[in-house]
Structure formats: structure tokens, C-alpha cells
Amino acid sequence: MTSAAYLRWPKAPIPYYINTGSGGFPAEIT
């Protein structure tokens, strides 16, 4: 997982990261 992207959105719930693989977050997050 890209910790950089994760730290940029610390308030977003985990499902949000998973569902936005192609919505602004690196595919590595999914």
C-alpha cells in the first residue's frame, strides 16, 4: 500500500480507499 496516499487522507474510512482505486488513489491501495 502507498503509505503516502494513505497519510494524505487519514480521515477516510478503509472502504473508501478500497472503492476509489481509480478515483484518485493509487491502485496499490485496493
Protein backbone atom coordinates (compact mmCIF):
# COMPACT_ATOMS: atom_id res chain seq x y z
CA MET A 1 0.00 0.00 0.00
CA THR A 2 1.21 3.51 -0.71
CA SER A 3 1.60 5.00 2.74
CA ALA A 4 1.96 8.46 1.22
CA ALA A 5 -1.56 8.38 -0.24
CA TYR A 6 -2.88 6.83 2.96
CA LEU A 7 -1.42 9.61 5.07
CA ARG A 8 -2.89 12.21 2.74
CA TRP A 9 -6.40 11.01 3.59
CA PRO A 10 -6.23 9.76 7.21
CA LYS A 11 -9.88 10.61 7.88
CA ALA A 12 -11.28 8.46 5.07
CA PRO A 13 -12.69 5.05 6.12
CA ILE A 14 -10.99 1.91 4.82
CA PRO A 15 -13.91 1.01 2.46
CA TYR A 16 -13.41 4.44 0.88
CA TYR A 17 -9.83 3.61 -0.11
CA ILE A 18 -10.88 0.20 -1.43
CA ASN A 19 -13.69 1.66 -3.54
CA THR A 20 -11.67 4.52 -5.01
CA GLY A 21 -8.79 2.58 -6.55
CA SER A 22 -9.38 4.54 -9.76
CA GLY A 23 -10.98 7.57 -8.19
CA GLY A 24 -7.90 9.46 -7.11
CA PHE A 25 -5.98 6.83 -5.17
CA PRO A 26 -3.19 4.57 -6.47
CA ALA A 27 -4.26 1.07 -7.46
CA GLU A 28 -1.87 -0.24 -4.79
CA ILE A 29 -4.36 0.84 -2.15
CA THR A 30 -7.05 -1.55 -3.32
